[in-house]
Amino acid sequence: MAACTSLILACEPDALRQGDVDTVVITASMAFAELPLVDLGEGVLVEEVTQLSDTSVEVQVVVEPTAALGVRPVTVDDGLRLVEGAGF
């Protein structure tokens, strides 16, 4: 049996600056099984995740003032699978 693969289609905005407090919207190609856990990499603290639709979540984040610069992989865990496919 083939595995279902879901990808992150969009992460908006796709970048923030050190010290920013903002909201990021993540959209996946398939519905989340449940409210997911979101990881935006080291130095980006996820404060709250709110489901907007079957395939998108709004994430309240704080970027630490000392966070390293550069692209981080976005990882979303909905309890059934890890969803990846975008950088932040």
PDB file of N, CA and C in Angstrom:
ATOM      1  N   MET A   1       0.839  -1.177   0.000  1.00  0.00           N
ATOM      2  CA  MET A   1       0.000   0.000   0.000  1.00  0.00           C
ATOM      3  C   MET A   1       0.884   1.239   0.000  1.00  0.00           C
ATOM      4  N   ALA A   2       0.590   2.194  -0.867  1.00  0.00           N
ATOM      5  CA  ALA A   2       1.384   3.420  -0.963  1.00  0.00           C
ATOM      6  C   ALA A   2       1.018   4.372   0.174  1.00  0.00           C
ATOM      7  N   ALA A   3       2.007   5.088   0.669  1.00  0.00           N
ATOM      8  CA  ALA A   3       1.792   6.049   1.749  1.00  0.00           C
ATOM      9  C   ALA A   3       1.239   7.347   1.188  1.00  0.00           C
ATOM     10  N   CYS A   4       0.345   7.976   1.939  1.00  0.00           N
ATOM     11  CA  CYS A   4      -0.161   9.295   1.574  1.00  0.00           C
ATOM     12  C   CYS A   4       0.903  10.316   1.935  1.00  0.00           C
ATOM     13  N   THR A   5       1.200  11.182   1.007  1.00  0.00           N
ATOM     14  CA  THR A   5       2.208  12.196   1.260  1.00  0.00           C
ATOM     15  C   THR A   5       1.573  13.567   1.236  1.00  0.00           C
ATOM     16  N   SER A   6       1.751  14.294   2.289  1.00  0.00           N
ATOM     17  CA  SER A   6       1.283  15.667   2.367  1.00  0.00           C
ATOM     18  C   SER A   6       2.502  16.572   2.405  1.00  0.00           C
ATOM     19  N   LEU A   7       2.412  17.691   1.730  1.00  0.00           N
ATOM     20  CA  LEU A   7       3.508  18.658   1.687  1.00  0.00           C
ATOM     21  C   LEU A   7       3.022  20.008   2.181  1.00  0.00           C
ATOM     22  N   ILE A   8       3.934  20.797   2.686  1.00  0.00           N
ATOM     23  CA  ILE A   8       3.619  22.180   3.005  1.00  0.00           C
ATOM     24  C   ILE A   8       3.683  22.966   1.703  1.00  0.00           C
ATOM     25  N   LEU A   9       2.576  23.579   1.352  1.00  0.00           N
ATOM     26  CA  LEU A   9       2.491  24.342   0.112  1.00  0.00           C
ATOM     27  C   LEU A   9       2.940  25.787   0.293  1.00  0.00           C
ATOM     28  N   ALA A  10       2.677  26.329   1.478  1.00  0.00           N
ATOM     29  CA  ALA A  10       3.024  27.736   1.707  1.00  0.00           C
ATOM     30  C   ALA A  10       3.267  27.999   3.184  1.00  0.00           C
ATOM     31  N   CYS A  11       4.175  28.925   3.428  1.00  0.00           N
ATOM     32  CA  CYS A  11       4.468  29.431   4.759  1.00  0.00           C
ATOM     33  C   CYS A  11       4.579  30.947   4.583  1.00  0.00           C
ATOM     34  N   GLU A  12       3.572  31.681   5.093  1.00  0.00           N
ATOM     35  CA  GLU A  12       3.528  33.119   4.851  1.00  0.00           C
ATOM     36  C   GLU A  12       3.435  33.891   6.154  1.00  0.00           C
ATOM     37  N   PRO A  13       4.282  34.842   6.390  1.00  0.00           N
ATOM     38  CA  PRO A  13       5.438  35.183   5.564  1.00  0.00           C
ATOM     39  C   PRO A  13       6.479  34.076   5.650  1.00  0.00           C
ATOM     40  N   ASP A  14       7.374  34.049   4.684  1.00  0.00           N
ATOM     41  CA  ASP A  14       8.391  32.991   4.664  1.00  0.00           C
ATOM     42  C   ASP A  14       9.673  33.412   5.380  1.00  0.00           C
ATOM     43  N   ALA A  15       9.658  34.603   5.977  1.00  0.00           N
ATOM     44  CA  ALA A  15      10.826  35.069   6.729  1.00  0.00           C
ATOM     45  C   ALA A  15      10.395  36.126   7.740  1.00  0.00           C
ATOM     46  N   LEU A  16      11.095  36.150   8.855  1.00  0.00           N
ATOM     47  CA  LEU A  16      10.938  37.196   9.864  1.00  0.00           C
ATOM     48  C   LEU A  16      12.327  37.631  10.299  1.00  0.00           C
ATOM     49  N   ARG A  17      12.393  38.700  11.068  1.00  0.00           N
ATOM     50  CA  ARG A  17      13.686  39.212  11.547  1.00  0.00           C
ATOM     51  C   ARG A  17      13.882  38.858  13.007  1.00  0.00           C
ATOM     52  N   GLN A  18      15.127  38.884  13.419  1.00  0.00           N
ATOM     53  CA  GLN A  18      15.445  38.646  14.825  1.00  0.00           C
ATOM     54  C   GLN A  18      14.649  39.621  15.682  1.00  0.00           C
ATOM     55  N   GLY A  19      14.040  39.109  16.752  1.00  0.00           N
ATOM     56  CA  GLY A  19      13.261  39.936  17.658  1.00  0.00           C
ATOM     57  C   GLY A  19      11.805  40.125  17.271  1.00  0.00           C
ATOM     58  N   ASP A  20      11.395  39.660  16.080  1.00  0.00           N
ATOM     59  CA  ASP A  20      10.006  39.816  15.641  1.00  0.00           C
ATOM     60  C   ASP A  20       9.051  38.952  16.454  1.00  0.00           C
ATOM     61  N   VAL A  21       7.861  39.476  16.667  1.00  0.00           N
ATOM     62  CA  VAL A  21       6.726  38.739  17.216  1.00  0.00           C
ATOM     63  C   VAL A  21       5.653  38.851  16.144  1.00  0.00           C
ATOM     64  N   ASP A  22       5.206  37.718  15.594  1.00  0.00           N
ATOM     65  CA  ASP A  22       4.320  37.795  14.434  1.00  0.00           C
ATOM     66  C   ASP A  22       3.488  36.525  14.306  1.00  0.00           C
ATOM     67  N   THR A  23       2.659  36.500  13.271  1.00  0.00           N
ATOM     68  CA  THR A  23       1.819  35.361  12.945  1.00  0.00           C
ATOM     69  C   THR A  23       2.278  34.793  11.605  1.00  0.00           C
ATOM     70  N   VAL A  24       2.391  33.467  11.546  1.00  0.00           N
ATOM     71  CA  VAL A  24       2.762  32.769  10.315  1.00  0.00           C
ATOM     72  C   VAL A  24       1.612  31.837   9.957  1.00  0.00           C
ATOM     73  N   VAL A  25       1.197  31.821   8.696  1.00  0.00           N
ATOM     74  CA  VAL A  25       0.153  30.911   8.231  1.00  0.00           C
ATOM     75  C   VAL A  25       0.805  29.819   7.395  1.00  0.00           C
ATOM     76  N   ILE A  26       0.541  28.567   7.771  1.00  0.00           N
ATOM     77  CA  ILE A  26       1.101  27.408   7.071  1.00  0.00           C
ATOM     78  C   ILE A  26      -0.044  26.659   6.409  1.00  0.00           C
ATOM     79  N   THR A  27       0.120  26.361   5.113  1.00  0.00           N
ATOM     80  CA  THR A  27      -0.891  25.641   4.350  1.00  0.00           C
ATOM     81  C   THR A  27      -0.296  24.353   3.806  1.00  0.00           C
ATOM     82  N   ALA A  28      -1.008  23.236   4.031  1.00  0.00           N
ATOM     83  CA  ALA A  28      -0.553  21.919   3.576  1.00  0.00           C
ATOM     84  C   ALA A  28      -1.410  21.442   2.399  1.00  0.00           C
ATOM     85  N   SER A  29      -0.925  20.417   1.710  1.00  0.00           N
ATOM     86  CA  SER A  29      -1.641  19.875   0.556  1.00  0.00           C
ATOM     87  C   SER A  29      -2.768  18.930   0.945  1.00  0.00           C
ATOM     88  N   MET A  30      -2.761  18.431   2.184  1.00  0.00           N
ATOM     89  CA  MET A  30      -3.811  17.534   2.673  1.00  0.00           C
ATOM     90  C   MET A  30      -4.272  18.005   4.044  1.00  0.00           C
ATOM     91  N   ALA A  31      -5.475  17.598   4.436  1.00  0.00           N
ATOM     92  CA  ALA A  31      -6.029  17.979   5.735  1.00  0.00           C
ATOM     93  C   ALA A  31      -5.185  17.407   6.871  1.00  0.00           C
ATOM     94  N   PHE A  32      -5.067  18.185   7.933  1.00  0.00           N
ATOM     95  CA  PHE A  32      -4.384  17.726   9.142  1.00  0.00           C
ATOM     96  C   PHE A  32      -5.313  16.777   9.890  1.00  0.00           C
ATOM     97  N   ALA A  33      -4.764  15.702  10.465  1.00  0.00           N
ATOM     98  CA  ALA A  33      -5.552  14.733  11.216  1.00  0.00           C
ATOM     99  C   ALA A  33      -6.082  15.344  12.513  1.00  0.00           C
ATOM    100  N   GLU A  34      -5.303  16.219  13.110  1.00  0.00           N
ATOM    101  CA  GLU A  34      -5.683  16.934  14.326  1.00  0.00           C
ATOM    102  C   GLU A  34      -4.844  18.200  14.403  1.00  0.00           C
ATOM    103  N   LEU A  35      -5.125  19.038  15.401  1.00  0.00           N
ATOM    104  CA  LEU A  35      -4.350  20.269  15.557  1.00  0.00           C
ATOM    105  C   LEU A  35      -2.873  19.902  15.664  1.00  0.00           C
ATOM    106  N   PRO A  36      -2.060  20.365  14.742  1.00  0.00           N
ATOM    107  CA  PRO A  36      -0.673  19.907  14.694  1.00  0.00           C
ATOM    108  C   PRO A  36       0.272  20.667  15.617  1.00  0.00           C
ATOM    109  N   LEU A  37       1.403  20.036  15.865  1.00  0.00           N
ATOM    110  CA  LEU A  37       2.549  20.676  16.498  1.00  0.00           C
ATOM    111  C   LEU A  37       3.391  21.258  15.373  1.00  0.00           C
ATOM    112  N   VAL A  38       3.926  22.447  15.569  1.00  0.00           N
ATOM    113  CA  VAL A  38       4.686  23.129  14.523  1.00  0.00           C
ATOM    114  C   VAL A  38       6.078  23.445  15.040  1.00  0.00           C
ATOM    115  N   ASP A  39       7.091  23.176  14.207  1.00  0.00           N
ATOM    116  CA  ASP A  39       8.483  23.502  14.530  1.00  0.00           C
ATOM    117  C   ASP A  39       9.046  24.344  13.391  1.00  0.00           C
ATOM    118  N   LEU A  40       9.466  25.564  13.715  1.00  0.00           N
ATOM    119  CA  LEU A  40      10.049  26.459  12.714  1.00  0.00           C
ATOM    120  C   LEU A  40      11.554  26.614  12.910  1.00  0.00           C
ATOM    121  N   GLY A  41      12.138  25.708  13.652  1.00  0.00           N
ATOM    122  CA  GLY A  41      13.584  25.696  13.806  1.00  0.00           C
ATOM    123  C   GLY A  41      14.074  26.400  15.046  1.00  0.00           C
ATOM    124  N   GLU A  42      15.347  26.188  15.312  1.00  0.00           N
ATOM    125  CA  GLU A  42      16.004  26.746  16.489  1.00  0.00           C
ATOM    126  C   GLU A  42      15.940  28.269  16.476  1.00  0.00           C
ATOM    127  N   GLY A  43      15.575  28.838  17.620  1.00  0.00           N
ATOM    128  CA  GLY A  43      15.521  30.285  17.742  1.00  0.00           C
ATOM    129  C   GLY A  43      14.172  30.891  17.407  1.00  0.00           C
ATOM    130  N   VAL A  44      13.217  30.055  16.945  1.00  0.00           N
ATOM    131  CA  VAL A  44      11.871  30.534  16.655  1.00  0.00           C
ATOM    132  C   VAL A  44      10.926  29.818  17.618  1.00  0.00           C
ATOM    133  N   LEU A  45      10.371  30.570  18.561  1.00  0.00           N
ATOM    134  CA  LEU A  45       9.503  29.996  19.576  1.00  0.00           C
ATOM    135  C   LEU A  45       8.056  30.032  19.116  1.00  0.00           C
ATOM    136  N   VAL A  46       7.407  28.881  19.133  1.00  0.00           N
ATOM    137  CA  VAL A  46       5.993  28.785  18.768  1.00  0.00           C
ATOM    138  C   VAL A  46       5.184  28.977  20.040  1.00  0.00           C
ATOM    139  N   GLU A  47       4.356  30.022  20.062  1.00  0.00           N
ATOM    140  CA  GLU A  47       3.563  30.314  21.253  1.00  0.00           C
ATOM    141  C   GLU A  47       2.173  29.707  21.200  1.00  0.00           C
ATOM    142  N   GLU A  48       1.552  29.711  20.018  1.00  0.00           N
ATOM    143  CA  GLU A  48       0.190  29.194  19.891  1.00  0.00           C
ATOM    144  C   GLU A  48      -0.059  28.766  18.450  1.00  0.00           C
ATOM    145  N   VAL A  49      -0.822  27.682  18.282  1.00  0.00           N
ATOM    146  CA  VAL A  49      -1.214  27.197  16.964  1.00  0.00           C
ATOM    147  C   VAL A  49      -2.734  27.163  16.922  1.00  0.00           C
ATOM    148  N   THR A  50      -3.326  27.780  15.898  1.00  0.00           N
ATOM    149  CA  THR A  50      -4.769  27.815  15.725  1.00  0.00           C
ATOM    150  C   THR A  50      -5.102  27.276  14.343  1.00  0.00           C
ATOM    151  N   GLN A  51      -6.042  26.338  14.276  1.00  0.00           N
ATOM    152  CA  GLN A  51      -6.428  25.780  12.986  1.00  0.00           C
ATOM    153  C   GLN A  51      -7.381  26.739  12.278  1.00  0.00           C
ATOM    154  N   LEU A  52      -7.046  27.121  11.041  1.00  0.00           N
ATOM    155  CA  LEU A  52      -7.876  28.029  10.246  1.00  0.00           C
ATOM    156  C   LEU A  52      -8.829  27.264   9.342  1.00  0.00           C
ATOM    157  N   SER A  53      -8.365  26.121   8.831  1.00  0.00           N
ATOM    158  CA  SER A  53      -9.165  25.256   7.956  1.00  0.00           C
ATOM    159  C   SER A  53      -8.584  23.851   8.058  1.00  0.00           C
ATOM    160  N   ASP A  54      -9.128  22.920   7.288  1.00  0.00           N
ATOM    161  CA  ASP A  54      -8.612  21.549   7.301  1.00  0.00           C
ATOM    162  C   ASP A  54      -7.139  21.488   6.936  1.00  0.00           C
ATOM    163  N   THR A  55      -6.702  22.431   6.092  1.00  0.00           N
ATOM    164  CA  THR A  55      -5.343  22.371   5.559  1.00  0.00           C
ATOM    165  C   THR A  55      -4.447  23.533   5.969  1.00  0.00           C
ATOM    166  N   SER A  56      -4.926  24.418   6.838  1.00  0.00           N
ATOM    167  CA  SER A  56      -4.062  25.544   7.214  1.00  0.00           C
ATOM    168  C   SER A  56      -4.160  25.860   8.708  1.00  0.00           C
ATOM    169  N   VAL A  57      -3.023  26.339   9.225  1.00  0.00           N
ATOM    170  CA  VAL A  57      -2.935  26.748  10.624  1.00  0.00           C
ATOM    171  C   VAL A  57      -2.273  28.115  10.706  1.00  0.00           C
ATOM    172  N   GLU A  58      -2.628  28.836  11.766  1.00  0.00           N
ATOM    173  CA  GLU A  58      -2.016  30.119  12.075  1.00  0.00           C
ATOM    174  C   GLU A  58      -1.133  29.894  13.295  1.00  0.00           C
ATOM    175  N   VAL A  59       0.106  30.351  13.217  1.00  0.00           N
ATOM    176  CA  VAL A  59       1.083  30.104  14.266  1.00  0.00           C
ATOM    177  C   VAL A  59       1.599  31.439  14.801  1.00  0.00           C
ATOM    178  N   GLN A  60       1.425  31.654  16.108  1.00  0.00           N
ATOM    179  CA  GLN A  60       1.969  32.842  16.767  1.00  0.00           C
ATOM    180  C   GLN A  60       3.409  32.515  17.153  1.00  0.00           C
ATOM    181  N   VAL A  61       4.371  33.328  16.695  1.00  0.00           N
ATOM    182  CA  VAL A  61       5.783  33.041  16.933  1.00  0.00           C
ATOM    183  C   VAL A  61       6.527  34.244  17.490  1.00  0.00           C
ATOM    184  N   VAL A  62       7.628  33.931  18.152  1.00  0.00           N
ATOM    185  CA  VAL A  62       8.589  34.931  18.606  1.00  0.00           C
ATOM    186  C   VAL A  62       9.948  34.485  18.095  1.00  0.00           C
ATOM    187  N   VAL A  63      10.621  35.365  17.364  1.00  0.00           N
ATOM    188  CA  VAL A  63      11.972  35.063  16.894  1.00  0.00           C
ATOM    189  C   VAL A  63      12.937  35.649  17.921  1.00  0.00           C
ATOM    190  N   GLU A  64      13.733  34.784  18.517  1.00  0.00           N
ATOM    191  CA  GLU A  64      14.676  35.252  19.532  1.00  0.00           C
ATOM    192  C   GLU A  64      15.640  36.275  18.926  1.00  0.00           C
ATOM    193  N   PRO A  65      16.011  37.296  19.696  1.00  0.00           N
ATOM    194  CA  PRO A  65      16.935  38.315  19.192  1.00  0.00           C
ATOM    195  C   PRO A  65      18.294  37.746  18.785  1.00  0.00           C
ATOM    196  N   THR A  66      18.660  36.602  19.337  1.00  0.00           N
ATOM    197  CA  THR A  66      19.954  35.990  19.018  1.00  0.00           C
ATOM    198  C   THR A  66      19.826  34.809  18.067  1.00  0.00           C
ATOM    199  N   ALA A  67      18.641  34.626  17.460  1.00  0.00           N
ATOM    200  CA  ALA A  67      18.445  33.507  16.527  1.00  0.00           C
ATOM    201  C   ALA A  67      19.422  33.618  15.364  1.00  0.00           C
ATOM    202  N   ALA A  68      19.990  32.483  14.988  1.00  0.00           N
ATOM    203  CA  ALA A  68      20.905  32.462  13.852  1.00  0.00           C
ATOM    204  C   ALA A  68      20.156  32.831  12.573  1.00  0.00           C
ATOM    205  N   LEU A  69      20.856  33.482  11.662  1.00  0.00           N
ATOM    206  CA  LEU A  69      20.272  33.839  10.375  1.00  0.00           C
ATOM    207  C   LEU A  69      20.266  32.618   9.468  1.00  0.00           C
ATOM    208  N   GLY A  70      19.339  32.586   8.524  1.00  0.00           N
ATOM    209  CA  GLY A  70      19.309  31.509   7.539  1.00  0.00           C
ATOM    210  C   GLY A  70      17.971  30.794   7.490  1.00  0.00           C
ATOM    211  N   VAL A  71      17.833  29.963   6.482  1.00  0.00           N
ATOM    212  CA  VAL A  71      16.601  29.214   6.241  1.00  0.00           C
ATOM    213  C   VAL A  71      16.542  27.998   7.163  1.00  0.00           C
ATOM    214  N   ARG A  72      15.348  27.757   7.704  1.00  0.00           N
ATOM    215  CA  ARG A  72      15.102  26.590   8.556  1.00  0.00           C
ATOM    216  C   ARG A  72      13.990  25.769   7.913  1.00  0.00           C
ATOM    217  N   PRO A  73      14.033  24.454   8.071  1.00  0.00           N
ATOM    218  CA  PRO A  73      12.923  23.643   7.558  1.00  0.00           C
ATOM    219  C   PRO A  73      11.697  23.809   8.444  1.00  0.00           C
ATOM    220  N   VAL A  74      10.527  23.839   7.838  1.00  0.00           N
ATOM    221  CA  VAL A  74       9.260  23.898   8.560  1.00  0.00           C
ATOM    222  C   VAL A  74       8.773  22.460   8.713  1.00  0.00           C
ATOM    223  N   THR A  75       8.459  22.054   9.947  1.00  0.00           N
ATOM    224  CA  THR A  75       7.964  20.704  10.214  1.00  0.00           C
ATOM    225  C   THR A  75       6.651  20.800  10.972  1.00  0.00           C
ATOM    226  N   VAL A  76       5.645  20.082  10.489  1.00  0.00           N
ATOM    227  CA  VAL A  76       4.327  20.050  11.112  1.00  0.00           C
ATOM    228  C   VAL A  76       3.998  18.595  11.417  1.00  0.00           C
ATOM    229  N   ASP A  77       3.649  18.305  12.670  1.00  0.00           N
ATOM    230  CA  ASP A  77       3.319  16.947  13.108  1.00  0.00           C
ATOM    231  C   ASP A  77       1.850  16.917  13.511  1.00  0.00           C
ATOM    232  N   ASP A  78       1.014  16.223  12.709  1.00  0.00           N
ATOM    233  CA  ASP A  78      -0.421  16.183  13.009  1.00  0.00           C
ATOM    234  C   ASP A  78      -0.847  14.913  13.742  1.00  0.00           C
ATOM    235  N   GLY A  79       0.131  14.191  14.276  1.00  0.00           N
ATOM    236  CA  GLY A  79      -0.175  12.979  15.020  1.00  0.00           C
ATOM    237  C   GLY A  79      -0.153  11.723  14.173  1.00  0.00           C
ATOM    238  N   LEU A  80      -0.338  11.859  12.855  1.00  0.00           N
ATOM    239  CA  LEU A  80      -0.269  10.718  11.938  1.00  0.00           C
ATOM    240  C   LEU A  80       0.952  10.759  11.043  1.00  0.00           C
ATOM    241  N   ARG A  81       1.430  11.957  10.761  1.00  0.00           N
ATOM    242  CA  ARG A  81       2.564  12.093   9.839  1.00  0.00           C
ATOM    243  C   ARG A  81       3.295  13.408  10.102  1.00  0.00           C
ATOM    244  N   LEU A  82       4.542  13.443   9.681  1.00  0.00           N
ATOM    245  CA  LEU A  82       5.312  14.686   9.678  1.00  0.00           C
ATOM    246  C   LEU A  82       5.149  15.306   8.293  1.00  0.00           C
ATOM    247  N   VAL A  83       4.798  16.565   8.256  1.00  0.00           N
ATOM    248  CA  VAL A  83       4.595  17.258   6.988  1.00  0.00           C
ATOM    249  C   VAL A  83       5.717  18.278   6.843  1.00  0.00           C
ATOM    250  N   GLU A  84       6.399  18.235   5.697  1.00  0.00           N
ATOM    251  CA  GLU A  84       7.503  19.139   5.410  1.00  0.00           C
ATOM    252  C   GLU A  84       7.364  19.648   3.980  1.00  0.00           C
ATOM    253  N   GLY A  85       8.269  20.511   3.569  1.00  0.00           N
ATOM    254  CA  GLY A  85       8.263  20.925   2.180  1.00  0.00           C
ATOM    255  C   GLY A  85       8.441  22.420   1.970  1.00  0.00           C
ATOM    256  N   ALA A  86       8.681  23.152   3.038  1.00  0.00           N
ATOM    257  CA  ALA A  86       8.906  24.592   2.891  1.00  0.00           C
ATOM    258  C   ALA A  86      10.001  25.011   3.844  1.00  0.00           C
ATOM    259  N   GLY A  87      10.619  26.106   3.516  1.00  0.00           N
ATOM    260  CA  GLY A  87      11.629  26.675   4.403  1.00  0.00           C
ATOM    261  C   GLY A  87      11.114  27.964   4.990  1.00  0.00           C
ATOM    262  N   PHE A  88      11.699  28.348   6.118  1.00  0.00           N
ATOM    263  CA  PHE A  88      11.300  29.571   6.797  1.00  0.00           C
ATOM    264  C   PHE A  88      12.545  30.320   7.185  1.00  0.00           C
TER     265      PHE A  88
END
